[in-house]
Amino acid sequence: MKVDNEYLEFLTDAIAGIDLTQGEKRTLEWVAGWEKSTVKNIASIIIKAKAAAQ
């Protein structure tokens, strides 16, 4: 599956400030190859979880 850089940017923005392992980074790259609506939903969940944790 090809990584879509725009989708990867959505995810990267969502995880800003979070340290990831190399394996976790590879997983984000894999997810960035999914359908745009799915990637945006996952990014949104991450953002909401970060906000709730604060």
Protein backbone atom coordinates (compact mmCIF):
# COMPACT_ATOMS: atom_id res chain seq x y z
CA MET A 1 0.00 0.00 0.00
CA LYS A 2 1.32 3.44 -0.93
CA VAL A 3 1.74 6.08 1.78
CA ASP A 4 -0.19 9.25 1.04
CA ASN A 5 1.87 12.16 2.38
CA GLU A 6 -1.22 14.33 2.91
CA TYR A 7 -2.81 11.61 5.03
CA LEU A 8 0.43 11.03 6.91
CA GLU A 9 0.46 14.76 7.71
CA PHE A 10 -3.04 14.49 9.27
CA LEU A 11 -1.75 11.75 11.54
CA THR A 12 1.55 13.47 12.29
CA ASP A 13 -0.28 16.63 13.32
CA ALA A 14 -2.58 14.58 15.55
CA ILE A 15 0.31 12.94 17.41
CA ALA A 16 2.36 16.13 17.84
CA GLY A 17 4.16 16.00 21.16
CA ILE A 18 3.93 12.23 21.51
CA ASP A 19 7.09 10.12 21.29
CA LEU A 20 6.61 7.05 19.10
CA THR A 21 8.64 3.91 18.63
CA GLN A 22 9.86 3.04 15.16
CA GLY A 23 7.18 0.35 15.00
CA GLU A 24 4.46 2.87 15.84
CA LYS A 25 5.79 5.23 13.16
CA ARG A 26 5.66 2.42 10.59
CA THR A 27 2.07 1.72 11.62
CA LEU A 28 1.14 5.38 11.03
CA GLU A 29 2.73 5.18 7.58
CA TRP A 30 0.68 2.05 6.87
CA VAL A 31 -2.54 3.72 8.06
CA ALA A 32 -1.72 6.73 5.86
CA GLY A 33 -2.36 4.46 2.87
CA TRP A 34 -5.98 3.92 3.87
CA GLU A 35 -9.04 5.82 2.67
CA LYS A 36 -9.00 9.54 3.52
CA SER A 37 -12.14 9.49 5.68
CA THR A 38 -10.72 6.64 7.77
CA VAL A 39 -7.40 8.44 8.28
CA LYS A 40 -9.18 11.66 9.26
CA ASN A 41 -11.38 9.78 11.74
CA ILE A 42 -8.37 8.12 13.35
CA ALA A 43 -6.59 11.49 13.59
CA SER A 44 -9.70 13.00 15.16
CA ILE A 45 -9.87 10.22 17.76
CA ILE A 46 -6.22 10.79 18.67
CA ILE A 47 -6.79 14.54 19.06
CA LYS A 48 -9.85 13.97 21.26
CA ALA A 49 -8.00 11.42 23.40
CA LYS A 50 -5.11 13.85 23.93
CA ALA A 51 -7.55 16.60 24.95
CA ALA A 52 -9.37 14.29 27.35
CA ALA A 53 -6.09 13.24 28.95
CA GLN A 54 -5.25 16.84 29.79
